[in-house]
Amino acid sequence: MGYGKLIAFAGGALATGVLNVASKSPRVRGAMVNCVAKGMQFKAEADEALQNIKDDAEDVCADARYEARVKAAMDARRAEVEERIRAEVEAQMAEEAALAEAALAAEEAAAK
């Protein structure tokens, strides 16, 4: 055991004895009760503030999760629509290319 721990132990024991003797006085006892009451009130207010912060953080997190789900659903729907449109455009282009080839073939046959 180091000297620091021994000094801390002795200081704690001395403080306990002094507080015990001082608490016999009504003025000191009243002051100590008021200090403890203020400490308890402060702790209750701090706990309430911490709970409010936690609630706000949970709300923000839930909103972010909701927004992420909405964005993912919108992205999936856009991809689906884009794929359908792309297929339609490619089919139209293939049809136009076939018509153009047929017209070219008809022109070549007429030119012969």
PDB file of N, CA and C in Angstrom:
ATOM      1  N   MET A   1       0.850  -1.167   0.000  1.00  0.00           N
ATOM      2  CA  MET A   1       0.000   0.000   0.000  1.00  0.00           C
ATOM      3  C   MET A   1       0.896   1.231   0.000  1.00  0.00           C
ATOM      4  N   GLY A   2       0.657   2.154  -0.962  1.00  0.00           N
ATOM      5  CA  GLY A   2       1.485   3.349  -1.064  1.00  0.00           C
ATOM      6  C   GLY A   2       1.036   4.415  -0.081  1.00  0.00           C
ATOM      7  N   TYR A   3       1.901   5.404   0.063  1.00  0.00           N
ATOM      8  CA  TYR A   3       1.589   6.497   0.986  1.00  0.00           C
ATOM      9  C   TYR A   3       0.365   7.286   0.516  1.00  0.00           C
ATOM     10  N   GLY A   4       0.170   7.403  -0.783  1.00  0.00           N
ATOM     11  CA  GLY A   4      -0.974   8.151  -1.308  1.00  0.00           C
ATOM     12  C   GLY A   4      -2.294   7.531  -0.860  1.00  0.00           C
ATOM     13  N   LYS A   5      -2.367   6.199  -0.918  1.00  0.00           N
ATOM     14  CA  LYS A   5      -3.590   5.518  -0.502  1.00  0.00           C
ATOM     15  C   LYS A   5      -3.798   5.647   1.006  1.00  0.00           C
ATOM     16  N   LEU A   6      -2.703   5.587   1.751  1.00  0.00           N
ATOM     17  CA  LEU A   6      -2.777   5.718   3.198  1.00  0.00           C
ATOM     18  C   LEU A   6      -3.242   7.120   3.585  1.00  0.00           C
ATOM     19  N   ILE A   7      -2.742   8.120   2.887  1.00  0.00           N
ATOM     20  CA  ILE A   7      -3.135   9.506   3.172  1.00  0.00           C
ATOM     21  C   ILE A   7      -4.619   9.710   2.804  1.00  0.00           C
ATOM     22  N   ALA A   8      -5.039   9.137   1.683  1.00  0.00           N
ATOM     23  CA  ALA A   8      -6.441   9.264   1.271  1.00  0.00           C
ATOM     24  C   ALA A   8      -7.356   8.588   2.279  1.00  0.00           C
ATOM     25  N   PHE A   9      -6.955   7.432   2.787  1.00  0.00           N
ATOM     26  CA  PHE A   9      -7.748   6.728   3.802  1.00  0.00           C
ATOM     27  C   PHE A   9      -7.848   7.550   5.081  1.00  0.00           C
ATOM     28  N   ALA A  10      -6.729   8.075   5.515  1.00  0.00           N
ATOM     29  CA  ALA A  10      -6.710   8.866   6.744  1.00  0.00           C
ATOM     30  C   ALA A  10      -7.536  10.148   6.563  1.00  0.00           C
ATOM     31  N   GLY A  11      -7.436  10.786   5.392  1.00  0.00           N
ATOM     32  CA  GLY A  11      -8.214  11.993   5.126  1.00  0.00           C
ATOM     33  C   GLY A  11      -9.707  11.695   5.126  1.00  0.00           C
ATOM     34  N   GLY A  12     -10.097  10.556   4.551  1.00  0.00           N
ATOM     35  CA  GLY A  12     -11.507  10.170   4.534  1.00  0.00           C
ATOM     36  C   GLY A  12     -12.028   9.905   5.931  1.00  0.00           C
ATOM     37  N   ALA A  13     -11.226   9.222   6.727  1.00  0.00           N
ATOM     38  CA  ALA A  13     -11.636   8.941   8.105  1.00  0.00           C
ATOM     39  C   ALA A  13     -11.743  10.237   8.902  1.00  0.00           C
ATOM     40  N   LEU A  14     -10.810  11.143   8.728  1.00  0.00           N
ATOM     41  CA  LEU A  14     -10.832  12.420   9.433  1.00  0.00           C
ATOM     42  C   LEU A  14     -12.047  13.250   9.000  1.00  0.00           C
ATOM     43  N   ALA A  15     -12.327  13.286   7.690  1.00  0.00           N
ATOM     44  CA  ALA A  15     -13.478  14.051   7.190  1.00  0.00           C
ATOM     45  C   ALA A  15     -14.777  13.483   7.737  1.00  0.00           C
ATOM     46  N   THR A  16     -14.875  12.162   7.818  1.00  0.00           N
ATOM     47  CA  THR A  16     -16.072  11.531   8.371  1.00  0.00           C
ATOM     48  C   THR A  16     -16.266  11.943   9.831  1.00  0.00           C
ATOM     49  N   GLY A  17     -15.203  11.919  10.594  1.00  0.00           N
ATOM     50  CA  GLY A  17     -15.295  12.320  12.008  1.00  0.00           C
ATOM     51  C   GLY A  17     -15.688  13.776  12.153  1.00  0.00           C
ATOM     52  N   VAL A  18     -15.108  14.644  11.341  1.00  0.00           N
ATOM     53  CA  VAL A  18     -15.418  16.074  11.420  1.00  0.00           C
ATOM     54  C   VAL A  18     -16.878  16.308  11.038  1.00  0.00           C
ATOM     55  N   LEU A  19     -17.346  15.665   9.980  1.00  0.00           N
ATOM     56  CA  LEU A  19     -18.741  15.826   9.552  1.00  0.00           C
ATOM     57  C   LEU A  19     -19.703  15.282  10.599  1.00  0.00           C
ATOM     58  N   ASN A  20     -19.325  14.193  11.242  1.00  0.00           N
ATOM     59  CA  ASN A  20     -20.175  13.617  12.287  1.00  0.00           C
ATOM     60  C   ASN A  20     -20.327  14.596  13.448  1.00  0.00           C
ATOM     61  N   VAL A  21     -19.246  15.202  13.864  1.00  0.00           N
ATOM     62  CA  VAL A  21     -19.300  16.158  14.969  1.00  0.00           C
ATOM     63  C   VAL A  21     -20.054  17.418  14.522  1.00  0.00           C
ATOM     64  N   ALA A  22     -19.774  17.882  13.292  1.00  0.00           N
ATOM     65  CA  ALA A  22     -20.403  19.116  12.805  1.00  0.00           C
ATOM     66  C   ALA A  22     -21.900  18.929  12.588  1.00  0.00           C
ATOM     67  N   SER A  23     -22.328  17.715  12.274  1.00  0.00           N
ATOM     68  CA  SER A  23     -23.753  17.489  12.000  1.00  0.00           C
ATOM     69  C   SER A  23     -24.593  17.574  13.269  1.00  0.00           C
ATOM     70  N   LYS A  24     -24.000  17.639  14.422  1.00  0.00           N
ATOM     71  CA  LYS A  24     -24.745  17.785  15.675  1.00  0.00           C
ATOM     72  C   LYS A  24     -25.310  19.203  15.793  1.00  0.00           C
ATOM     73  N   SER A  25     -24.668  20.170  15.157  1.00  0.00           N
ATOM     74  CA  SER A  25     -25.132  21.554  15.203  1.00  0.00           C
ATOM     75  C   SER A  25     -26.335  21.697  14.269  1.00  0.00           C
ATOM     76  N   PRO A  26     -27.420  22.317  14.724  1.00  0.00           N
ATOM     77  CA  PRO A  26     -28.614  22.470  13.875  1.00  0.00           C
ATOM     78  C   PRO A  26     -28.354  23.294  12.605  1.00  0.00           C
ATOM     79  N   ARG A  27     -27.538  24.328  12.681  1.00  0.00           N
ATOM     80  CA  ARG A  27     -27.248  25.152  11.495  1.00  0.00           C
ATOM     81  C   ARG A  27     -26.473  24.359  10.460  1.00  0.00           C
ATOM     82  N   VAL A  28     -25.457  23.628  10.917  1.00  0.00           N
ATOM     83  CA  VAL A  28     -24.640  22.831   9.997  1.00  0.00           C
ATOM     84  C   VAL A  28     -25.489  21.711   9.411  1.00  0.00           C
ATOM     85  N   ARG A  29     -26.299  21.093  10.259  1.00  0.00           N
ATOM     86  CA  ARG A  29     -27.164  20.007   9.776  1.00  0.00           C
ATOM     87  C   ARG A  29     -28.145  20.526   8.719  1.00  0.00           C
ATOM     88  N   GLY A  30     -28.731  21.686   8.974  1.00  0.00           N
ATOM     89  CA  GLY A  30     -29.650  22.280   8.003  1.00  0.00           C
ATOM     90  C   GLY A  30     -28.947  22.583   6.685  1.00  0.00           C
ATOM     91  N   ALA A  31     -27.731  23.121   6.774  1.00  0.00           N
ATOM     92  CA  ALA A  31     -26.962  23.426   5.562  1.00  0.00           C
ATOM     93  C   ALA A  31     -26.638  22.143   4.794  1.00  0.00           C
ATOM     94  N   MET A  32     -26.276  21.088   5.531  1.00  0.00           N
ATOM     95  CA  MET A  32     -25.961  19.814   4.869  1.00  0.00           C
ATOM     96  C   MET A  32     -27.195  19.232   4.194  1.00  0.00           C
ATOM     97  N   VAL A  33     -28.351  19.308   4.866  1.00  0.00           N
ATOM     98  CA  VAL A  33     -29.602  18.804   4.284  1.00  0.00           C
ATOM     99  C   VAL A  33     -29.941  19.601   3.029  1.00  0.00           C
ATOM    100  N   ASN A  34     -29.777  20.923   3.087  1.00  0.00           N
ATOM    101  CA  ASN A  34     -30.040  21.749   1.905  1.00  0.00           C
ATOM    102  C   ASN A  34     -29.102  21.394   0.752  1.00  0.00           C
ATOM    103  N   CYS A  35     -27.830  21.170   1.062  1.00  0.00           N
ATOM    104  CA  CYS A  35     -26.868  20.791   0.022  1.00  0.00           C
ATOM    105  C   CYS A  35     -27.247  19.463  -0.618  1.00  0.00           C
ATOM    106  N   VAL A  36     -27.621  18.497   0.202  1.00  0.00           N
ATOM    107  CA  VAL A  36     -28.013  17.186  -0.330  1.00  0.00           C
ATOM    108  C   VAL A  36     -29.279  17.317  -1.167  1.00  0.00           C
ATOM    109  N   ALA A  37     -30.241  18.118  -0.695  1.00  0.00           N
ATOM    110  CA  ALA A  37     -31.488  18.329  -1.448  1.00  0.00           C
ATOM    111  C   ALA A  37     -31.195  18.987  -2.794  1.00  0.00           C
ATOM    112  N   LYS A  38     -30.326  20.002  -2.807  1.00  0.00           N
ATOM    113  CA  LYS A  38     -29.957  20.654  -4.069  1.00  0.00           C
ATOM    114  C   LYS A  38     -29.252  19.664  -5.000  1.00  0.00           C
ATOM    115  N   GLY A  39     -28.399  18.841  -4.427  1.00  0.00           N
ATOM    116  CA  GLY A  39     -27.718  17.820  -5.234  1.00  0.00           C
ATOM    117  C   GLY A  39     -28.703  16.837  -5.847  1.00  0.00           C
ATOM    118  N   MET A  40     -29.693  16.415  -5.057  1.00  0.00           N
ATOM    119  CA  MET A  40     -30.705  15.493  -5.576  1.00  0.00           C
ATOM    120  C   MET A  40     -31.542  16.162  -6.660  1.00  0.00           C
ATOM    121  N   GLN A  41     -31.882  17.442  -6.457  1.00  0.00           N
ATOM    122  CA  GLN A  41     -32.653  18.181  -7.453  1.00  0.00           C
ATOM    123  C   GLN A  41     -31.839  18.325  -8.746  1.00  0.00           C
ATOM    124  N   PHE A  42     -30.557  18.652  -8.612  1.00  0.00           N
ATOM    125  CA  PHE A  42     -29.683  18.775  -9.765  1.00  0.00           C
ATOM    126  C   PHE A  42     -29.598  17.451 -10.523  1.00  0.00           C
ATOM    127  N   LYS A  43     -29.473  16.341  -9.783  1.00  0.00           N
ATOM    128  CA  LYS A  43     -29.390  15.029 -10.418  1.00  0.00           C
ATOM    129  C   LYS A  43     -30.681  14.709 -11.168  1.00  0.00           C
ATOM    130  N   ALA A  44     -31.821  15.034 -10.567  1.00  0.00           N
ATOM    131  CA  ALA A  44     -33.105  14.776 -11.234  1.00  0.00           C
ATOM    132  C   ALA A  44     -33.216  15.599 -12.516  1.00  0.00           C
ATOM    133  N   GLU A  45     -32.811  16.861 -12.465  1.00  0.00           N
ATOM    134  CA  GLU A  45     -32.851  17.715 -13.658  1.00  0.00           C
ATOM    135  C   GLU A  45     -31.892  17.201 -14.726  1.00  0.00           C
ATOM    136  N   ALA A  46     -30.702  16.760 -14.297  1.00  0.00           N
ATOM    137  CA  ALA A  46     -29.731  16.220 -15.252  1.00  0.00           C
ATOM    138  C   ALA A  46     -30.258  14.934 -15.892  1.00  0.00           C
ATOM    139  N   ASP A  47     -30.895  14.069 -15.096  1.00  0.00           N
ATOM    140  CA  ASP A  47     -31.473  12.842 -15.639  1.00  0.00           C
ATOM    141  C   ASP A  47     -32.567  13.163 -16.650  1.00  0.00           C
ATOM    142  N   GLU A  48     -33.400  14.155 -16.344  1.00  0.00           N
ATOM    143  CA  GLU A  48     -34.466  14.548 -17.266  1.00  0.00           C
ATOM    144  C   GLU A  48     -33.888  15.100 -18.568  1.00  0.00           C
ATOM    145  N   ALA A  49     -32.862  15.940 -18.454  1.00  0.00           N
ATOM    146  CA  ALA A  49     -32.224  16.502 -19.649  1.00  0.00           C
ATOM    147  C   ALA A  49     -31.587  15.395 -20.483  1.00  0.00           C
ATOM    148  N   LEU A  50     -30.941  14.450 -19.822  1.00  0.00           N
ATOM    149  CA  LEU A  50     -30.323  13.339 -20.533  1.00  0.00           C
ATOM    150  C   LEU A  50     -31.380  12.487 -21.241  1.00  0.00           C
ATOM    151  N   GLN A  51     -32.499  12.259 -20.583  1.00  0.00           N
ATOM    152  CA  GLN A  51     -33.580  11.482 -21.204  1.00  0.00           C
ATOM    153  C   GLN A  51     -34.135  12.215 -22.423  1.00  0.00           C
ATOM    154  N   ASN A  52     -34.268  13.544 -22.322  1.00  0.00           N
ATOM    155  CA  ASN A  52     -34.737  14.328 -23.463  1.00  0.00           C
ATOM    156  C   ASN A  52     -33.763  14.225 -24.635  1.00  0.00           C
ATOM    157  N   ILE A  53     -32.479  14.275 -24.330  1.00  0.00           N
ATOM    158  CA  ILE A  53     -31.464  14.141 -25.380  1.00  0.00           C
ATOM    159  C   ILE A  53     -31.557  12.767 -26.020  1.00  0.00           C
ATOM    160  N   LYS A  54     -31.713  11.724 -25.206  1.00  0.00           N
ATOM    161  CA  LYS A  54     -31.844  10.370 -25.746  1.00  0.00           C
ATOM    162  C   LYS A  54     -33.078  10.248 -26.631  1.00  0.00           C
ATOM    163  N   ASP A  55     -34.199  10.803 -26.168  1.00  0.00           N
ATOM    164  CA  ASP A  55     -35.435  10.749 -26.962  1.00  0.00           C
ATOM    165  C   ASP A  55     -35.265  11.470 -28.299  1.00  0.00           C
ATOM    166  N   ASP A  56     -34.641  12.641 -28.251  1.00  0.00           N
ATOM    167  CA  ASP A  56     -34.411  13.387 -29.491  1.00  0.00           C
ATOM    168  C   ASP A  56     -33.504  12.607 -30.439  1.00  0.00           C
ATOM    169  N   ALA A  57     -32.464  11.992 -29.893  1.00  0.00           N
ATOM    170  CA  ALA A  57     -31.548  11.205 -30.721  1.00  0.00           C
ATOM    171  C   ALA A  57     -32.269  10.004 -31.336  1.00  0.00           C
ATOM    172  N   GLU A  58     -33.136   9.357 -30.567  1.00  0.00           N
ATOM    173  CA  GLU A  58     -33.900   8.232 -31.111  1.00  0.00           C
ATOM    174  C   GLU A  58     -34.836   8.696 -32.216  1.00  0.00           C
ATOM    175  N   ASP A  59     -35.450   9.870 -32.048  1.00  0.00           N
ATOM    176  CA  ASP A  59     -36.326  10.413 -33.084  1.00  0.00           C
ATOM    177  C   ASP A  59     -35.550  10.707 -34.366  1.00  0.00           C
ATOM    178  N   VAL A  60     -34.386  11.320 -34.218  1.00  0.00           N
ATOM    179  CA  VAL A  60     -33.559  11.631 -35.381  1.00  0.00           C
ATOM    180  C   VAL A  60     -33.135  10.345 -36.083  1.00  0.00           C
ATOM    181  N   CYS A  61     -32.754   9.352 -35.297  1.00  0.00           N
ATOM    182  CA  CYS A  61     -32.333   8.072 -35.868  1.00  0.00           C
ATOM    183  C   CYS A  61     -33.488   7.390 -36.597  1.00  0.00           C
ATOM    184  N   ALA A  62     -34.672   7.414 -36.003  1.00  0.00           N
ATOM    185  CA  ALA A  62     -35.845   6.803 -36.649  1.00  0.00           C
ATOM    186  C   ALA A  62     -36.187   7.545 -37.937  1.00  0.00           C
ATOM    187  N   ASP A  63     -36.100   8.872 -37.914  1.00  0.00           N
ATOM    188  CA  ASP A  63     -36.358   9.647 -39.132  1.00  0.00           C
ATOM    189  C   ASP A  63     -35.346   9.310 -40.223  1.00  0.00           C
ATOM    190  N   ALA A  64     -34.097   9.170 -39.846  1.00  0.00           N
ATOM    191  CA  ALA A  64     -33.060   8.838 -40.820  1.00  0.00           C
ATOM    192  C   ALA A  64     -33.298   7.446 -41.411  1.00  0.00           C
ATOM    193  N   ARG A  65     -33.691   6.483 -40.567  1.00  0.00           N
ATOM    194  CA  ARG A  65     -33.984   5.138 -41.084  1.00  0.00           C
ATOM    195  C   ARG A  65     -35.161   5.182 -42.043  1.00  0.00           C
ATOM    196  N   TYR A  66     -36.197   5.957 -41.689  1.00  0.00           N
ATOM    197  CA  TYR A  66     -37.375   6.080 -42.556  1.00  0.00           C
ATOM    198  C   TYR A  66     -36.982   6.698 -43.899  1.00  0.00           C
ATOM    199  N   GLU A  67     -36.215   7.785 -43.851  1.00  0.00           N
ATOM    200  CA  GLU A  67     -35.781   8.438 -45.083  1.00  0.00           C
ATOM    201  C   GLU A  67     -34.941   7.493 -45.939  1.00  0.00           C
ATOM    202  N   ALA A  68     -34.098   6.688 -45.316  1.00  0.00           N
ATOM    203  CA  ALA A  68     -33.273   5.737 -46.062  1.00  0.00           C
ATOM    204  C   ALA A  68     -34.153   4.685 -46.736  1.00  0.00           C
ATOM    205  N   ARG A  69     -35.199   4.212 -46.027  1.00  0.00           N
ATOM    206  CA  ARG A  69     -36.103   3.227 -46.631  1.00  0.00           C
ATOM    207  C   ARG A  69     -36.864   3.839 -47.796  1.00  0.00           C
ATOM    208  N   VAL A  70     -37.320   5.084 -47.631  1.00  0.00           N
ATOM    209  CA  VAL A  70     -38.046   5.758 -48.714  1.00  0.00           C
ATOM    210  C   VAL A  70     -37.128   5.949 -49.919  1.00  0.00           C
ATOM    211  N   LYS A  71     -35.898   6.381 -49.685  1.00  0.00           N
ATOM    212  CA  LYS A  71     -34.953   6.594 -50.778  1.00  0.00           C
ATOM    213  C   LYS A  71     -34.653   5.291 -51.493  1.00  0.00           C
ATOM    214  N   ALA A  72     -34.477   4.208 -50.735  1.00  0.00           N
ATOM    215  CA  ALA A  72     -34.201   2.910 -51.356  1.00  0.00           C
ATOM    216  C   ALA A  72     -35.392   2.451 -52.198  1.00  0.00           C
ATOM    217  N   ALA A  73     -36.598   2.660 -51.697  1.00  0.00           N
ATOM    218  CA  ALA A  73     -37.792   2.270 -52.462  1.00  0.00           C
ATOM    219  C   ALA A  73     -37.914   3.109 -53.728  1.00  0.00           C
ATOM    220  N   MET A  74     -37.660   4.405 -53.621  1.00  0.00           N
ATOM    221  CA  MET A  74     -37.723   5.279 -54.801  1.00  0.00           C
ATOM    222  C   MET A  74     -36.654   4.891 -55.825  1.00  0.00           C
ATOM    223  N   ASP A  75     -35.450   4.600 -55.353  1.00  0.00           N
ATOM    224  CA  ASP A  75     -34.379   4.190 -56.267  1.00  0.00           C
ATOM    225  C   ASP A  75     -34.729   2.887 -56.976  1.00  0.00           C
ATOM    226  N   ALA A  76     -35.305   1.944 -56.238  1.00  0.00           N
ATOM    227  CA  ALA A  76     -35.693   0.668 -56.842  1.00  0.00           C
ATOM    228  C   ALA A  76     -36.790   0.883 -57.883  1.00  0.00           C
ATOM    229  N   ARG A  77     -37.760   1.741 -57.560  1.00  0.00           N
ATOM    230  CA  ARG A  77     -38.856   2.014 -58.510  1.00  0.00           C
ATOM    231  C   ARG A  77     -38.323   2.731 -59.745  1.00  0.00           C
ATOM    232  N   ARG A  78     -37.414   3.691 -59.557  1.00  0.00           N
ATOM    233  CA  ARG A  78     -36.812   4.384 -60.703  1.00  0.00           C
ATOM    234  C   ARG A  78     -36.066   3.411 -61.603  1.00  0.00           C
ATOM    235  N   ALA A  79     -35.307   2.514 -60.992  1.00  0.00           N
ATOM    236  CA  ALA A  79     -34.553   1.533 -61.774  1.00  0.00           C
ATOM    237  C   ALA A  79     -35.503   0.643 -62.573  1.00  0.00           C
ATOM    238  N   GLU A  80     -36.612   0.251 -61.949  1.00  0.00           N
ATOM    239  CA  GLU A  80     -37.599  -0.593 -62.624  1.00  0.00           C
ATOM    240  C   GLU A  80     -38.225   0.147 -63.806  1.00  0.00           C
ATOM    241  N   VAL A  81     -38.621   1.393 -63.610  1.00  0.00           N
ATOM    242  CA  VAL A  81     -39.230   2.192 -64.676  1.00  0.00           C
ATOM    243  C   VAL A  81     -38.214   2.461 -65.784  1.00  0.00           C
ATOM    244  N   GLU A  82     -36.992   2.773 -65.391  1.00  0.00           N
ATOM    245  CA  GLU A  82     -35.943   3.045 -66.372  1.00  0.00           C
ATOM    246  C   GLU A  82     -35.685   1.815 -67.248  1.00  0.00           C
ATOM    247  N   GLU A  83     -35.655   0.650 -66.629  1.00  0.00           N
ATOM    248  CA  GLU A  83     -35.428  -0.588 -67.390  1.00  0.00           C
ATOM    249  C   GLU A  83     -36.578  -0.834 -68.370  1.00  0.00           C
ATOM    250  N   ARG A  84     -37.818  -0.602 -67.922  1.00  0.00           N
ATOM    251  CA  ARG A  84     -38.970  -0.796 -68.797  1.00  0.00           C
ATOM    252  C   ARG A  84     -38.929   0.181 -69.971  1.00  0.00           C
ATOM    253  N   ILE A  85     -38.628   1.436 -69.692  1.00  0.00           N
ATOM    254  CA  ILE A  85     -38.552   2.441 -70.753  1.00  0.00           C
ATOM    255  C   ILE A  85     -37.430   2.113 -71.722  1.00  0.00           C
ATOM    256  N   ARG A  86     -36.293   1.696 -71.177  1.00  0.00           N
ATOM    257  CA  ARG A  86     -35.161   1.339 -72.040  1.00  0.00           C
ATOM    258  C   ARG A  86     -35.543   0.202 -72.981  1.00  0.00           C
ATOM    259  N   ALA A  87     -36.244  -0.798 -72.474  1.00  0.00           N
ATOM    260  CA  ALA A  87     -36.661  -1.925 -73.307  1.00  0.00           C
ATOM    261  C   ALA A  87     -37.625  -1.460 -74.399  1.00  0.00           C
ATOM    262  N   GLU A  88     -38.560  -0.566 -74.048  1.00  0.00           N
ATOM    263  CA  GLU A  88     -39.502  -0.041 -75.042  1.00  0.00           C
ATOM    264  C   GLU A  88     -38.774   0.748 -76.129  1.00  0.00           C
ATOM    265  N   VAL A  89     -37.832   1.611 -75.725  1.00  0.00           N
ATOM    266  CA  VAL A  89     -37.087   2.418 -76.691  1.00  0.00           C
ATOM    267  C   VAL A  89     -36.250   1.524 -77.592  1.00  0.00           C
ATOM    268  N   GLU A  90     -35.596   0.522 -77.029  1.00  0.00           N
ATOM    269  CA  GLU A  90     -34.791  -0.387 -77.839  1.00  0.00           C
ATOM    270  C   GLU A  90     -35.665  -1.156 -78.826  1.00  0.00           C
ATOM    271  N   ALA A  91     -36.867  -1.542 -78.400  1.00  0.00           N
ATOM    272  CA  ALA A  91     -37.781  -2.239 -79.313  1.00  0.00           C
ATOM    273  C   ALA A  91     -38.218  -1.308 -80.440  1.00  0.00           C
ATOM    274  N   GLN A  92     -38.522  -0.049 -80.123  1.00  0.00           N
ATOM    275  CA  GLN A  92     -38.912   0.917 -81.152  1.00  0.00           C
ATOM    276  C   GLN A  92     -37.759   1.165 -82.124  1.00  0.00           C
ATOM    277  N   MET A  93     -36.550   1.285 -81.581  1.00  0.00           N
ATOM    278  CA  MET A  93     -35.388   1.521 -82.442  1.00  0.00           C
ATOM    279  C   MET A  93     -35.134   0.320 -83.345  1.00  0.00           C
ATOM    280  N   ALA A  94     -35.303  -0.890 -82.820  1.00  0.00           N
ATOM    281  CA  ALA A  94     -35.122  -2.091 -83.634  1.00  0.00           C
ATOM    282  C   ALA A  94     -36.179  -2.136 -84.737  1.00  0.00           C
ATOM    283  N   GLU A  95     -37.405  -1.761 -84.402  1.00  0.00           N
ATOM    284  CA  GLU A  95     -38.488  -1.735 -85.388  1.00  0.00           C
ATOM    285  C   GLU A  95     -38.195  -0.701 -86.471  1.00  0.00           C
ATOM    286  N   GLU A  96     -37.747   0.489 -86.080  1.00  0.00           N
ATOM    287  CA  GLU A  96     -37.411   1.531 -87.049  1.00  0.00           C
ATOM    288  C   GLU A  96     -36.233   1.096 -87.921  1.00  0.00           C
ATOM    289  N   ALA A  97     -35.255   0.432 -87.325  1.00  0.00           N
ATOM    290  CA  ALA A  97     -34.111  -0.048 -88.099  1.00  0.00           C
ATOM    291  C   ALA A  97     -34.566  -1.096 -89.111  1.00  0.00           C
ATOM    292  N   ALA A  98     -35.477  -1.978 -88.699  1.00  0.00           N
ATOM    293  CA  ALA A  98     -35.983  -2.999 -89.621  1.00  0.00           C
ATOM    294  C   ALA A  98     -36.762  -2.340 -90.755  1.00  0.00           C
ATOM    295  N   LEU A  99     -37.570  -1.316 -90.445  1.00  0.00           N
ATOM    296  CA  LEU A  99     -38.324  -0.604 -91.483  1.00  0.00           C
ATOM    297  C   LEU A  99     -37.362   0.118 -92.435  1.00  0.00           C
ATOM    298  N   ALA A 100     -36.322   0.717 -91.868  1.00  0.00           N
ATOM    299  CA  ALA A 100     -35.344   1.416 -92.702  1.00  0.00           C
ATOM    300  C   ALA A 100     -34.616   0.425 -93.617  1.00  0.00           C
ATOM    301  N   GLU A 101     -34.252  -0.732 -93.108  1.00  0.00           N
ATOM    302  CA  GLU A 101     -33.588  -1.754 -93.925  1.00  0.00           C
ATOM    303  C   GLU A 101     -34.524  -2.256 -95.011  1.00  0.00           C
ATOM    304  N   ALA A 102     -35.805  -2.432 -94.654  1.00  0.00           N
ATOM    305  CA  ALA A 102     -36.769  -2.894 -95.652  1.00  0.00           C
ATOM    306  C   ALA A 102     -36.952  -1.840 -96.737  1.00  0.00           C
ATOM    307  N   ALA A 103     -37.001  -0.550 -96.348  1.00  0.00           N
ATOM    308  CA  ALA A 103     -37.146   0.520 -97.333  1.00  0.00           C
ATOM    309  C   ALA A 103     -35.921   0.602 -98.213  1.00  0.00           C
ATOM    310  N   LEU A 104     -34.752   0.431 -97.649  1.00  0.00           N
ATOM    311  CA  LEU A 104     -33.513   0.452 -98.416  1.00  0.00           C
ATOM    312  C   LEU A 104     -33.464  -0.719 -99.375  1.00  0.00           C
ATOM    313  N   ALA A 105     -33.889  -1.876 -98.900  1.00  0.00           N
ATOM    314  CA  ALA A 105     -33.909  -3.064 -99.763  1.00  0.00           C
ATOM    315  C   ALA A 105     -34.903  -2.866-100.893  1.00  0.00           C
ATOM    316  N   ALA A 106     -36.023  -2.220-100.618  1.00  0.00           N
ATOM    317  CA  ALA A 106     -37.035  -1.972-101.658  1.00  0.00           C
ATOM    318  C   ALA A 106     -36.505  -0.983-102.677  1.00  0.00           C
ATOM    319  N   GLU A 107     -35.783   0.045-102.223  1.00  0.00           N
ATOM    320  CA  GLU A 107     -35.191   1.021-103.137  1.00  0.00           C
ATOM    321  C   GLU A 107     -34.161   0.354-104.035  1.00  0.00           C
ATOM    322  N   GLU A 108     -33.331  -0.519-103.436  1.00  0.00           N
ATOM    323  CA  GLU A 108     -32.314  -1.209-104.211  1.00  0.00           C
ATOM    324  C   GLU A 108     -32.946  -2.130-105.234  1.00  0.00           C
ATOM    325  N   ALA A 109     -34.050  -2.800-104.863  1.00  0.00           N
ATOM    326  CA  ALA A 109     -34.728  -3.706-105.792  1.00  0.00           C
ATOM    327  C   ALA A 109     -35.373  -2.889-106.897  1.00  0.00           C
ATOM    328  N   ALA A 110     -35.908  -1.737-106.606  1.00  0.00           N
ATOM    329  CA  ALA A 110     -36.553  -0.903-107.607  1.00  0.00           C
ATOM    330  C   ALA A 110     -35.508  -0.311-108.531  1.00  0.00           C
ATOM    331  N   ALA A 111     -34.326  -0.055-108.037  1.00  0.00           N
ATOM    332  CA  ALA A 111     -33.258   0.532-108.832  1.00  0.00           C
ATOM    333  C   ALA A 111     -32.670  -0.490-109.791  1.00  0.00           C
ATOM    334  N   LYS A 112     -32.826  -1.753-109.595  1.00  0.00           N
ATOM    335  CA  LYS A 112     -32.262  -2.798-110.451  1.00  0.00           C
ATOM    336  C   LYS A 112     -33.100  -3.009-111.607  1.00  0.00           C
TER     337      LYS A 112
END
